[in-house]
Amino acid sequence: MSGDHLDNPFSNYPQFAEGCLKLLNNQRLKEKVYFDVIFWNYTRELRGKVTSDSPDGDLNTNILKAAMVKAYNTRNGGNALSFGDIVEPKQ
């Protein structure tokens, strides 16, 4: 994905990227995962919406975790069951 998507004010990618970073906090994914696949999984679950019903527009944490796990398993051929299975502390 090019930086153009993240710099585009009309795209949902900037908000989504910030939500992913907020969720990861001081962790990182153990293996590479495609950002657009996480985005696809997340928005598909919410029927095309990026935000939840949250008034501040925060992402739905549970759906985001599930989207990351699904993307992680797809990309890495794994069978992780939880968000904790796919993250590790930043070093």
PDB file of N, CA and C in Angstrom:
ATOM      1  N   MET A   1       0.847  -1.159   0.000  1.00  0.00           N
ATOM      2  CA  MET A   1       0.000   0.000   0.000  1.00  0.00           C
ATOM      3  C   MET A   1       0.898   1.230   0.000  1.00  0.00           C
ATOM      4  N   SER A   2       0.556   2.176  -0.810  1.00  0.00           N
ATOM      5  CA  SER A   2       1.364   3.381  -0.869  1.00  0.00           C
ATOM      6  C   SER A   2       0.941   4.355   0.221  1.00  0.00           C
ATOM      7  N   GLY A   3       1.796   5.310   0.490  1.00  0.00           N
ATOM      8  CA  GLY A   3       1.507   6.337   1.472  1.00  0.00           C
ATOM      9  C   GLY A   3       0.351   7.223   1.061  1.00  0.00           C
ATOM     10  N   ASP A   4       0.005   7.212  -0.244  1.00  0.00           N
ATOM     11  CA  ASP A   4      -1.099   8.037  -0.728  1.00  0.00           C
ATOM     12  C   ASP A   4      -2.401   7.706  -0.013  1.00  0.00           C
ATOM     13  N   HIS A   5      -2.621   6.438   0.267  1.00  0.00           N
ATOM     14  CA  HIS A   5      -3.857   6.043   0.945  1.00  0.00           C
ATOM     15  C   HIS A   5      -3.900   6.578   2.372  1.00  0.00           C
ATOM     16  N   LEU A   6      -2.774   6.612   3.020  1.00  0.00           N
ATOM     17  CA  LEU A   6      -2.738   7.079   4.404  1.00  0.00           C
ATOM     18  C   LEU A   6      -2.795   8.598   4.496  1.00  0.00           C
ATOM     19  N   ASP A   7      -2.384   9.285   3.431  1.00  0.00           N
ATOM     20  CA  ASP A   7      -2.412  10.750   3.422  1.00  0.00           C
ATOM     21  C   ASP A   7      -3.703  11.317   2.850  1.00  0.00           C
ATOM     22  N   ASN A   8      -4.564  10.471   2.339  1.00  0.00           N
ATOM     23  CA  ASN A   8      -5.783  10.912   1.678  1.00  0.00           C
ATOM     24  C   ASN A   8      -6.857  11.214   2.722  1.00  0.00           C
ATOM     25  N   PRO A   9      -7.266  12.494   2.852  1.00  0.00           N
ATOM     26  CA  PRO A   9      -8.266  12.848   3.861  1.00  0.00           C
ATOM     27  C   PRO A   9      -9.650  12.263   3.566  1.00  0.00           C
ATOM     28  N   PHE A  10      -9.870  11.791   2.340  1.00  0.00           N
ATOM     29  CA  PHE A  10     -11.163  11.219   1.983  1.00  0.00           C
ATOM     30  C   PHE A  10     -11.196   9.705   2.163  1.00  0.00           C
ATOM     31  N   SER A  11     -10.074   9.135   2.565  1.00  0.00           N
ATOM     32  CA  SER A  11      -9.965   7.699   2.788  1.00  0.00           C
ATOM     33  C   SER A  11     -10.188   7.398   4.268  1.00  0.00           C
ATOM     34  N   ASN A  12     -10.655   6.196   4.546  1.00  0.00           N
ATOM     35  CA  ASN A  12     -10.801   5.765   5.937  1.00  0.00           C
ATOM     36  C   ASN A  12      -9.514   5.160   6.476  1.00  0.00           C
ATOM     37  N   TYR A  13      -8.514   4.998   5.611  1.00  0.00           N
ATOM     38  CA  TYR A  13      -7.260   4.379   6.033  1.00  0.00           C
ATOM     39  C   TYR A  13      -6.540   5.134   7.151  1.00  0.00           C
ATOM     40  N   PRO A  14      -6.473   6.472   7.121  1.00  0.00           N
ATOM     41  CA  PRO A  14      -5.758   7.154   8.223  1.00  0.00           C
ATOM     42  C   PRO A  14      -6.349   6.849   9.593  1.00  0.00           C
ATOM     43  N   GLN A  15      -7.670   6.938   9.718  1.00  0.00           N
ATOM     44  CA  GLN A  15      -8.325   6.647  10.997  1.00  0.00           C
ATOM     45  C   GLN A  15      -8.108   5.183  11.364  1.00  0.00           C
ATOM     46  N   PHE A  16      -8.204   4.311  10.372  1.00  0.00           N
ATOM     47  CA  PHE A  16      -8.045   2.888  10.634  1.00  0.00           C
ATOM     48  C   PHE A  16      -6.624   2.575  11.084  1.00  0.00           C
ATOM     49  N   ALA A  17      -5.631   3.170  10.432  1.00  0.00           N
ATOM     50  CA  ALA A  17      -4.229   2.959  10.804  1.00  0.00           C
ATOM     51  C   ALA A  17      -3.983   3.428  12.236  1.00  0.00           C
ATOM     52  N   GLU A  18      -4.530   4.585  12.587  1.00  0.00           N
ATOM     53  CA  GLU A  18      -4.377   5.091  13.953  1.00  0.00           C
ATOM     54  C   GLU A  18      -5.011   4.138  14.961  1.00  0.00           C
ATOM     55  N   GLY A  19      -6.170   3.599  14.619  1.00  0.00           N
ATOM     56  CA  GLY A  19      -6.842   2.645  15.505  1.00  0.00           C
ATOM     57  C   GLY A  19      -6.030   1.375  15.694  1.00  0.00           C
ATOM     58  N   CYS A  20      -5.394   0.907  14.621  1.00  0.00           N
ATOM     59  CA  CYS A  20      -4.548  -0.288  14.714  1.00  0.00           C
ATOM     60  C   CYS A  20      -3.346  -0.018  15.613  1.00  0.00           C
ATOM     61  N   LEU A  21      -2.717   1.125  15.425  1.00  0.00           N
ATOM     62  CA  LEU A  21      -1.556   1.468  16.250  1.00  0.00           C
ATOM     63  C   LEU A  21      -1.953   1.627  17.715  1.00  0.00           C
ATOM     64  N   LYS A  22      -3.107   2.222  17.948  1.00  0.00           N
ATOM     65  CA  LYS A  22      -3.606   2.393  19.320  1.00  0.00           C
ATOM     66  C   LYS A  22      -3.835   1.032  19.970  1.00  0.00           C
ATOM     67  N   LEU A  23      -4.412   0.112  19.231  1.00  0.00           N
ATOM     68  CA  LEU A  23      -4.665  -1.225  19.759  1.00  0.00           C
ATOM     69  C   LEU A  23      -3.364  -1.956  20.059  1.00  0.00           C
ATOM     70  N   LEU A  24      -2.417  -1.855  19.154  1.00  0.00           N
ATOM     71  CA  LEU A  24      -1.136  -2.546  19.351  1.00  0.00           C
ATOM     72  C   LEU A  24      -0.349  -1.956  20.508  1.00  0.00           C
ATOM     73  N   ASN A  25      -0.479  -0.644  20.732  1.00  0.00           N
ATOM     74  CA  ASN A  25       0.184   0.058  21.832  1.00  0.00           C
ATOM     75  C   ASN A  25       1.681  -0.227  21.810  1.00  0.00           C
ATOM     76  N   ASN A  26       2.229  -0.901  22.765  1.00  0.00           N
ATOM     77  CA  ASN A  26       3.671  -1.199  22.804  1.00  0.00           C
ATOM     78  C   ASN A  26       3.961  -2.626  22.356  1.00  0.00           C
ATOM     79  N   GLN A  27       3.117  -3.130  21.461  1.00  0.00           N
ATOM     80  CA  GLN A  27       3.293  -4.477  20.935  1.00  0.00           C
ATOM     81  C   GLN A  27       3.467  -4.393  19.425  1.00  0.00           C
ATOM     82  N   ARG A  28       3.838  -5.518  18.856  1.00  0.00           N
ATOM     83  CA  ARG A  28       3.893  -5.631  17.399  1.00  0.00           C
ATOM     84  C   ARG A  28       3.410  -7.019  17.022  1.00  0.00           C
ATOM     85  N   LEU A  29       3.039  -7.160  15.766  1.00  0.00           N
ATOM     86  CA  LEU A  29       2.638  -8.466  15.275  1.00  0.00           C
ATOM     87  C   LEU A  29       3.868  -9.341  15.135  1.00  0.00           C
ATOM     88  N   LYS A  30       3.747 -10.605  15.455  1.00  0.00           N
ATOM     89  CA  LYS A  30       4.873 -11.530  15.391  1.00  0.00           C
ATOM     90  C   LYS A  30       5.335 -11.767  13.954  1.00  0.00           C
ATOM     91  N   GLU A  31       4.414 -11.743  13.019  1.00  0.00           N
ATOM     92  CA  GLU A  31       4.711 -11.963  11.602  1.00  0.00           C
ATOM     93  C   GLU A  31       4.019 -10.880  10.782  1.00  0.00           C
ATOM     94  N   LYS A  32       4.455 -10.741   9.536  1.00  0.00           N
ATOM     95  CA  LYS A  32       3.857  -9.740   8.656  1.00  0.00           C
ATOM     96  C   LYS A  32       2.403 -10.063   8.367  1.00  0.00           C
ATOM     97  N   VAL A  33       1.630  -8.998   8.253  1.00  0.00           N
ATOM     98  CA  VAL A  33       0.221  -9.087   7.899  1.00  0.00           C
ATOM     99  C   VAL A  33      -0.072  -7.922   6.953  1.00  0.00           C
ATOM    100  N   TYR A  34      -0.884  -8.162   5.942  1.00  0.00           N
ATOM    101  CA  TYR A  34      -1.245  -7.093   5.018  1.00  0.00           C
ATOM    102  C   TYR A  34      -2.299  -6.195   5.634  1.00  0.00           C
ATOM    103  N   PHE A  35      -1.984  -4.895   5.676  1.00  0.00           N
ATOM    104  CA  PHE A  35      -2.877  -3.901   6.263  1.00  0.00           C
ATOM    105  C   PHE A  35      -4.234  -3.889   5.566  1.00  0.00           C
ATOM    106  N   ASP A  36      -4.213  -3.962   4.238  1.00  0.00           N
ATOM    107  CA  ASP A  36      -5.483  -3.901   3.518  1.00  0.00           C
ATOM    108  C   ASP A  36      -6.358  -5.127   3.778  1.00  0.00           C
ATOM    109  N   VAL A  37      -5.748  -6.257   4.133  1.00  0.00           N
ATOM    110  CA  VAL A  37      -6.540  -7.444   4.483  1.00  0.00           C
ATOM    111  C   VAL A  37      -7.189  -7.247   5.852  1.00  0.00           C
ATOM    112  N   ILE A  38      -6.461  -6.657   6.781  1.00  0.00           N
ATOM    113  CA  ILE A  38      -7.061  -6.334   8.088  1.00  0.00           C
ATOM    114  C   ILE A  38      -8.241  -5.388   7.869  1.00  0.00           C
ATOM    115  N   PHE A  39      -8.022  -4.355   7.052  1.00  0.00           N
ATOM    116  CA  PHE A  39      -9.065  -3.368   6.751  1.00  0.00           C
ATOM    117  C   PHE A  39     -10.276  -4.056   6.130  1.00  0.00           C
ATOM    118  N   TRP A  40     -10.040  -4.937   5.162  1.00  0.00           N
ATOM    119  CA  TRP A  40     -11.124  -5.671   4.495  1.00  0.00           C
ATOM    120  C   TRP A  40     -11.911  -6.515   5.503  1.00  0.00           C
ATOM    121  N   ASN A  41     -11.195  -7.271   6.338  1.00  0.00           N
ATOM    122  CA  ASN A  41     -11.859  -8.111   7.337  1.00  0.00           C
ATOM    123  C   ASN A  41     -12.709  -7.273   8.286  1.00  0.00           C
ATOM    124  N   TYR A  42     -12.137  -6.158   8.713  1.00  0.00           N
ATOM    125  CA  TYR A  42     -12.828  -5.288   9.665  1.00  0.00           C
ATOM    126  C   TYR A  42     -14.081  -4.675   9.053  1.00  0.00           C
ATOM    127  N   THR A  43     -13.930  -4.068   7.877  1.00  0.00           N
ATOM    128  CA  THR A  43     -15.073  -3.390   7.264  1.00  0.00           C
ATOM    129  C   THR A  43     -16.132  -4.378   6.798  1.00  0.00           C
ATOM    130  N   ARG A  44     -15.715  -5.560   6.412  1.00  0.00           N
ATOM    131  CA  ARG A  44     -16.691  -6.573   6.002  1.00  0.00           C
ATOM    132  C   ARG A  44     -17.579  -6.949   7.185  1.00  0.00           C
ATOM    133  N   GLU A  45     -16.973  -7.070   8.347  1.00  0.00           N
ATOM    134  CA  GLU A  45     -17.739  -7.406   9.560  1.00  0.00           C
ATOM    135  C   GLU A  45     -18.724  -6.291   9.912  1.00  0.00           C
ATOM    136  N   LEU A  46     -18.337  -5.051   9.642  1.00  0.00           N
ATOM    137  CA  LEU A  46     -19.194  -3.899   9.964  1.00  0.00           C
ATOM    138  C   LEU A  46     -19.995  -3.413   8.762  1.00  0.00           C
ATOM    139  N   ARG A  47     -20.050  -4.228   7.728  1.00  0.00           N
ATOM    140  CA  ARG A  47     -20.820  -3.903   6.521  1.00  0.00           C
ATOM    141  C   ARG A  47     -20.379  -2.582   5.895  1.00  0.00           C
ATOM    142  N   GLY A  48     -19.061  -2.405   5.774  1.00  0.00           N
ATOM    143  CA  GLY A  48     -18.520  -1.255   5.074  1.00  0.00           C
ATOM    144  C   GLY A  48     -18.208  -0.037   5.918  1.00  0.00           C
ATOM    145  N   LYS A  49     -18.554  -0.058   7.182  1.00  0.00           N
ATOM    146  CA  LYS A  49     -18.278   1.093   8.058  1.00  0.00           C
ATOM    147  C   LYS A  49     -16.911   0.920   8.696  1.00  0.00           C
ATOM    148  N   VAL A  50     -16.235   2.020   8.932  1.00  0.00           N
ATOM    149  CA  VAL A  50     -14.958   1.946   9.639  1.00  0.00           C
ATOM    150  C   VAL A  50     -15.173   2.198  11.113  1.00  0.00           C
ATOM    151  N   THR A  51     -16.023   3.127  11.444  1.00  0.00           N
ATOM    152  CA  THR A  51     -16.244   3.455  12.848  1.00  0.00           C
ATOM    153  C   THR A  51     -17.339   2.593  13.437  1.00  0.00           C
ATOM    154  N   SER A  52     -17.286   2.461  14.726  1.00  0.00           N
ATOM    155  CA  SER A  52     -18.359   1.772  15.443  1.00  0.00           C
ATOM    156  C   SER A  52     -19.394   2.823  15.825  1.00  0.00           C
ATOM    157  N   ASP A  53     -20.231   2.501  16.749  1.00  0.00           N
ATOM    158  CA  ASP A  53     -21.218   3.467  17.217  1.00  0.00           C
ATOM    159  C   ASP A  53     -20.624   4.437  18.232  1.00  0.00           C
ATOM    160  N   SER A  54     -19.343   4.338  18.450  1.00  0.00           N
ATOM    161  CA  SER A  54     -18.667   5.197  19.412  1.00  0.00           C
ATOM    162  C   SER A  54     -18.741   6.659  18.959  1.00  0.00           C
ATOM    163  N   PRO A  55     -19.126   7.568  19.855  1.00  0.00           N
ATOM    164  CA  PRO A  55     -19.234   8.973  19.462  1.00  0.00           C
ATOM    165  C   PRO A  55     -17.895   9.595  19.054  1.00  0.00           C
ATOM    166  N   ASP A  56     -16.790   9.058  19.556  1.00  0.00           N
ATOM    167  CA  ASP A  56     -15.494   9.625  19.187  1.00  0.00           C
ATOM    168  C   ASP A  56     -14.879   8.914  17.975  1.00  0.00           C
ATOM    169  N   GLY A  57     -15.609   7.982  17.377  1.00  0.00           N
ATOM    170  CA  GLY A  57     -15.142   7.329  16.163  1.00  0.00           C
ATOM    171  C   GLY A  57     -14.104   6.256  16.372  1.00  0.00           C
ATOM    172  N   ASP A  58     -13.900   5.821  17.605  1.00  0.00           N
ATOM    173  CA  ASP A  58     -12.932   4.752  17.843  1.00  0.00           C
ATOM    174  C   ASP A  58     -13.369   3.478  17.134  1.00  0.00           C
ATOM    175  N   LEU A  59     -12.391   2.680  16.776  1.00  0.00           N
ATOM    176  CA  LEU A  59     -12.685   1.399  16.151  1.00  0.00           C
ATOM    177  C   LEU A  59     -13.205   0.427  17.196  1.00  0.00           C
ATOM    178  N   ASN A  60     -13.972  -0.529  16.756  1.00  0.00           N
ATOM    179  CA  ASN A  60     -14.480  -1.578  17.633  1.00  0.00           C
ATOM    180  C   ASN A  60     -13.331  -2.534  17.919  1.00  0.00           C
ATOM    181  N   THR A  61     -12.846  -2.529  19.136  1.00  0.00           N
ATOM    182  CA  THR A  61     -11.657  -3.286  19.515  1.00  0.00           C
ATOM    183  C   THR A  61     -11.805  -4.782  19.278  1.00  0.00           C
ATOM    184  N   ASN A  62     -12.922  -5.349  19.643  1.00  0.00           N
ATOM    185  CA  ASN A  62     -13.099  -6.793  19.478  1.00  0.00           C
ATOM    186  C   ASN A  62     -13.110  -7.200  18.010  1.00  0.00           C
ATOM    187  N   ILE A  63     -13.780  -6.419  17.188  1.00  0.00           N
ATOM    188  CA  ILE A  63     -13.826  -6.725  15.761  1.00  0.00           C
ATOM    189  C   ILE A  63     -12.447  -6.512  15.135  1.00  0.00           C
ATOM    190  N   LEU A  64     -11.728  -5.476  15.569  1.00  0.00           N
ATOM    191  CA  LEU A  64     -10.388  -5.228  15.043  1.00  0.00           C
ATOM    192  C   LEU A  64      -9.434  -6.360  15.412  1.00  0.00           C
ATOM    193  N   LYS A  65      -9.501  -6.833  16.632  1.00  0.00           N
ATOM    194  CA  LYS A  65      -8.658  -7.957  17.041  1.00  0.00           C
ATOM    195  C   LYS A  65      -8.956  -9.192  16.199  1.00  0.00           C
ATOM    196  N   ALA A  66     -10.229  -9.471  15.993  1.00  0.00           N
ATOM    197  CA  ALA A  66     -10.618 -10.629  15.186  1.00  0.00           C
ATOM    198  C   ALA A  66     -10.151 -10.456  13.742  1.00  0.00           C
ATOM    199  N   ALA A  67     -10.237  -9.245  13.213  1.00  0.00           N
ATOM    200  CA  ALA A  67      -9.788  -8.974  11.842  1.00  0.00           C
ATOM    201  C   ALA A  67      -8.289  -9.183  11.708  1.00  0.00           C
ATOM    202  N   MET A  68      -7.541  -8.783  12.733  1.00  0.00           N
ATOM    203  CA  MET A  68      -6.091  -8.972  12.720  1.00  0.00           C
ATOM    204  C   MET A  68      -5.733 -10.452  12.801  1.00  0.00           C
ATOM    205  N   VAL A  69      -6.418 -11.176  13.655  1.00  0.00           N
ATOM    206  CA  VAL A  69      -6.153 -12.616  13.796  1.00  0.00           C
ATOM    207  C   VAL A  69      -6.448 -13.335  12.479  1.00  0.00           C
ATOM    208  N   LYS A  70      -7.572 -13.001  11.877  1.00  0.00           N
ATOM    209  CA  LYS A  70      -7.941 -13.641  10.612  1.00  0.00           C
ATOM    210  C   LYS A  70      -6.910 -13.322   9.526  1.00  0.00           C
ATOM    211  N   ALA A  71      -6.494 -12.066   9.427  1.00  0.00           N
ATOM    212  CA  ALA A  71      -5.493 -11.669   8.430  1.00  0.00           C
ATOM    213  C   ALA A  71      -4.154 -12.344   8.716  1.00  0.00           C
ATOM    214  N   TYR A  72      -3.804 -12.444   9.974  1.00  0.00           N
ATOM    215  CA  TYR A  72      -2.553 -13.101  10.384  1.00  0.00           C
ATOM    216  C   TYR A  72      -2.565 -14.564   9.958  1.00  0.00           C
ATOM    217  N   ASN A  73      -3.651 -15.257  10.231  1.00  0.00           N
ATOM    218  CA  ASN A  73      -3.757 -16.669   9.867  1.00  0.00           C
ATOM    219  C   ASN A  73      -3.736 -16.856   8.353  1.00  0.00           C
ATOM    220  N   THR A  74      -4.414 -15.981   7.635  1.00  0.00           N
ATOM    221  CA  THR A  74      -4.447 -16.067   6.177  1.00  0.00           C
ATOM    222  C   THR A  74      -3.057 -15.869   5.591  1.00  0.00           C
ATOM    223  N   ARG A  75      -2.350 -14.877   6.068  1.00  0.00           N
ATOM    224  CA  ARG A  75      -1.029 -14.534   5.527  1.00  0.00           C
ATOM    225  C   ARG A  75       0.032 -15.559   5.912  1.00  0.00           C
ATOM    226  N   ASN A  76      -0.055 -16.083   7.120  1.00  0.00           N
ATOM    227  CA  ASN A  76       1.011 -16.920   7.657  1.00  0.00           C
ATOM    228  C   ASN A  76       0.645 -18.397   7.772  1.00  0.00           C
ATOM    229  N   GLY A  77      -0.521 -18.760   7.287  1.00  0.00           N
ATOM    230  CA  GLY A  77      -0.926 -20.156   7.341  1.00  0.00           C
ATOM    231  C   GLY A  77      -1.056 -20.678   8.757  1.00  0.00           C
ATOM    232  N   GLY A  78      -1.361 -19.790   9.676  1.00  0.00           N
ATOM    233  CA  GLY A  78      -1.435 -20.181  11.082  1.00  0.00           C
ATOM    234  C   GLY A  78      -2.833 -20.525  11.525  1.00  0.00           C
ATOM    235  N   ASN A  79      -2.918 -20.859  12.789  1.00  0.00           N
ATOM    236  CA  ASN A  79      -4.223 -21.152  13.387  1.00  0.00           C
ATOM    237  C   ASN A  79      -4.334 -20.481  14.752  1.00  0.00           C
ATOM    238  N   ALA A  80      -3.873 -19.229  14.814  1.00  0.00           N
ATOM    239  CA  ALA A  80      -3.984 -18.455  16.049  1.00  0.00           C
ATOM    240  C   ALA A  80      -5.459 -18.283  16.388  1.00  0.00           C
ATOM    241  N   LEU A  81      -5.759 -18.344  17.663  1.00  0.00           N
ATOM    242  CA  LEU A  81      -7.136 -18.232  18.118  1.00  0.00           C
ATOM    243  C   LEU A  81      -7.454 -16.881  18.748  1.00  0.00           C
ATOM    244  N   SER A  82      -6.420 -16.185  19.216  1.00  0.00           N
ATOM    245  CA  SER A  82      -6.671 -14.925  19.906  1.00  0.00           C
ATOM    246  C   SER A  82      -5.628 -13.885  19.522  1.00  0.00           C
ATOM    247  N   PHE A  83      -5.952 -12.654  19.838  1.00  0.00           N
ATOM    248  CA  PHE A  83      -5.043 -11.536  19.576  1.00  0.00           C
ATOM    249  C   PHE A  83      -3.716 -11.747  20.296  1.00  0.00           C
ATOM    250  N   GLY A  84      -3.764 -12.271  21.501  1.00  0.00           N
ATOM    251  CA  GLY A  84      -2.547 -12.531  22.269  1.00  0.00           C
ATOM    252  C   GLY A  84      -1.612 -13.517  21.595  1.00  0.00           C
ATOM    253  N   ASP A  85      -2.165 -14.370  20.739  1.00  0.00           N
ATOM    254  CA  ASP A  85      -1.345 -15.348  20.018  1.00  0.00           C
ATOM    255  C   ASP A  85      -0.511 -14.723  18.904  1.00  0.00           C
ATOM    256  N   ILE A  86      -0.884 -13.536  18.443  1.00  0.00           N
ATOM    257  CA  ILE A  86      -0.229 -12.953  17.270  1.00  0.00           C
ATOM    258  C   ILE A  86       0.640 -11.731  17.568  1.00  0.00           C
ATOM    259  N   VAL A  87       0.676 -11.302  18.819  1.00  0.00           N
ATOM    260  CA  VAL A  87       1.450 -10.120  19.181  1.00  0.00           C
ATOM    261  C   VAL A  87       2.571 -10.471  20.156  1.00  0.00           C
ATOM    262  N   GLU A  88       3.562  -9.585  20.180  1.00  0.00           N
ATOM    263  CA  GLU A  88       4.671  -9.691  21.113  1.00  0.00           C
ATOM    264  C   GLU A  88       5.119  -8.283  21.489  1.00  0.00           C
ATOM    265  N   PRO A  89       5.835  -8.124  22.594  1.00  0.00           N
ATOM    266  CA  PRO A  89       6.311  -6.795  22.967  1.00  0.00           C
ATOM    267  C   PRO A  89       7.298  -6.256  21.935  1.00  0.00           C
ATOM    268  N   LYS A  90       7.241  -4.941  21.723  1.00  0.00           N
ATOM    269  CA  LYS A  90       8.251  -4.315  20.857  1.00  0.00           C
ATOM    270  C   LYS A  90       9.598  -4.433  21.526  1.00  0.00           C
ATOM    271  N   GLN A  91      10.622  -4.601  20.720  1.00  0.00           N
ATOM    272  CA  GLN A  91      11.967  -4.717  21.292  1.00  0.00           C
ATOM    273  C   GLN A  91      12.814  -3.544  20.942  1.00  0.00           C
TER     274      GLN A  91
END
